[in-house]
């Protein structure tokens, strides 16, 4: 059940209206996780210093169970970056993606 957090100092109007859906589809396909298990939260207008400046940028954190490791991670970055650059209009140099492996005991949904 991937949890995707997008923090950006872009205004909501500067992001594609379909960002959440696009990222959900991408993460589902890329990580092999069912769409109904993916959550995407977008925090536009975040006050942030990014790469030493207040210029526009995105930090994307994706947390999931048992999919992130040194050998698999390189294949995950390009499709996720494509969604973020397309949805924001930013150059990839202004976007950081952090992949976080969660132990199964750290996540609980529902009952």
Protein backbone atom coordinates (compact mmCIF):
# COMPACT_ATOMS: atom_id res chain seq x y z
CA UNK A 1 0.00 0.00 0.00
CA UNK A 2 2.20 2.79 -1.26
CA UNK A 3 1.82 6.19 0.36
CA UNK A 4 2.89 9.01 -1.97
CA UNK A 5 3.55 12.50 -0.60
CA UNK A 6 4.28 15.42 -2.93
CA UNK A 7 5.56 18.59 -1.31
CA UNK A 8 5.97 21.61 -3.55
CA UNK A 9 6.12 25.37 -3.41
CA UNK A 10 4.14 25.45 -6.66
CA UNK A 11 0.57 26.68 -6.35
CA UNK A 12 -2.19 24.14 -6.87
CA UNK A 13 -3.14 25.88 -10.15
CA UNK A 14 0.38 25.28 -11.48
CA UNK A 15 -0.01 21.49 -11.19
CA UNK A 16 -1.94 19.29 -13.60
CA UNK A 17 -5.45 18.55 -12.34
CA UNK A 18 -4.76 14.89 -13.07
CA UNK A 19 -1.53 14.61 -11.05
CA UNK A 20 -2.97 12.32 -8.38
CA UNK A 21 -4.51 9.98 -10.96
CA UNK A 22 -1.38 9.97 -13.14
CA UNK A 23 0.87 9.17 -10.19
CA UNK A 24 -1.51 6.46 -8.95
CA UNK A 25 -1.46 4.74 -12.36
CA UNK A 26 2.32 5.10 -12.62
CA UNK A 27 3.03 3.76 -9.14
CA UNK A 28 0.63 0.86 -9.66
CA UNK A 29 2.30 -0.14 -12.91
CA UNK A 30 5.87 0.54 -11.79
CA UNK A 31 5.70 -1.12 -8.37
CA UNK A 32 3.15 -3.80 -9.27
CA UNK A 33 0.72 -2.65 -6.59
CA UNK A 34 -3.10 -2.49 -6.99
CA UNK A 35 -4.44 1.02 -7.62
CA UNK A 36 -6.99 0.73 -4.83
CA UNK A 37 -4.15 0.33 -2.32
CA UNK A 38 -2.29 3.52 -3.33
CA UNK A 39 -2.72 6.90 -1.60
CA UNK A 40 -1.44 10.14 -3.13
CA UNK A 41 -1.34 13.35 -1.09
CA UNK A 42 -0.28 16.65 -2.67
CA UNK A 43 0.83 19.61 -0.56
CA UNK A 44 1.03 22.65 -2.90
CA UNK A 45 2.16 26.02 -1.66
CA UNK A 46 4.56 24.47 0.84
CA UNK A 47 7.10 26.90 2.25
CA UNK A 48 10.42 25.32 1.40
CA UNK A 49 14.07 25.89 0.70
CA UNK A 50 15.05 23.47 -2.06
CA UNK A 51 18.61 23.00 -3.31
CA UNK A 52 19.67 26.20 -1.61
CA UNK A 53 16.97 28.43 -3.07
CA UNK A 54 13.29 29.21 -2.87
CA UNK A 55 12.90 28.54 -6.60
CA UNK A 56 10.11 26.18 -7.58
CA UNK A 57 10.71 22.54 -6.74
CA UNK A 58 9.14 19.24 -5.73
CA UNK A 59 10.05 16.65 -3.14
CA UNK A 60 8.22 13.38 -3.69
CA UNK A 61 8.33 10.69 -1.01
CA UNK A 62 6.96 7.25 -1.79
CA UNK A 63 6.70 4.78 1.08
CA UNK A 64 5.85 1.15 0.52
CA UNK A 65 6.35 -2.34 1.88
CA UNK A 66 8.90 -4.71 0.34
CA UNK A 67 9.54 -3.07 -3.04
CA UNK A 68 12.46 -0.70 -2.54
CA UNK A 69 16.07 -1.81 -2.57
CA UNK A 70 19.35 -0.98 -4.24
CA UNK A 71 18.85 -3.28 -7.22
CA UNK A 72 15.23 -2.36 -8.07
CA UNK A 73 15.18 1.36 -7.29
CA UNK A 74 16.98 2.57 -10.47
CA UNK A 75 14.10 1.27 -12.63
CA UNK A 76 11.50 3.13 -10.55
CA UNK A 77 12.86 6.66 -10.93
CA UNK A 78 12.33 7.35 -14.68
CA UNK A 79 8.56 6.70 -14.91
CA UNK A 80 7.86 8.56 -11.66
CA UNK A 81 10.02 11.48 -12.75
CA UNK A 82 8.19 11.60 -16.09
CA UNK A 83 4.84 12.01 -14.32
CA UNK A 84 6.18 14.74 -12.04
CA UNK A 85 7.91 16.76 -14.77
CA UNK A 86 4.88 16.55 -17.05
CA UNK A 87 2.41 17.49 -14.30
CA UNK A 88 4.49 20.40 -13.00
CA UNK A 89 6.39 21.74 -16.00
CA UNK A 90 9.56 21.65 -13.90
CA UNK A 91 12.92 20.37 -15.06
CA UNK A 92 13.93 17.08 -13.45
CA UNK A 93 16.80 18.94 -11.73
CA UNK A 94 14.18 20.67 -9.56
CA UNK A 95 12.59 17.41 -8.39
CA UNK A 96 13.79 14.99 -5.73
CA UNK A 97 12.25 11.53 -5.33
CA UNK A 98 12.78 9.63 -2.09
CA UNK A 99 11.84 5.95 -1.92
CA UNK A 100 11.26 4.66 1.60
CA UNK A 101 10.93 0.97 2.45
CA UNK A 102 8.41 0.39 5.23
CA UNK A 103 8.44 -2.67 7.45
CA UNK A 104 5.01 -4.36 7.30
CA UNK A 105 4.42 -3.75 11.00
CA UNK A 106 4.61 0.04 10.44
CA UNK A 107 1.39 0.33 8.41
CA UNK A 108 -2.20 -0.45 9.32
CA UNK A 109 -5.39 0.45 7.47
CA UNK A 110 -8.90 -0.33 8.60
CA UNK A 111 -9.88 -2.81 11.27
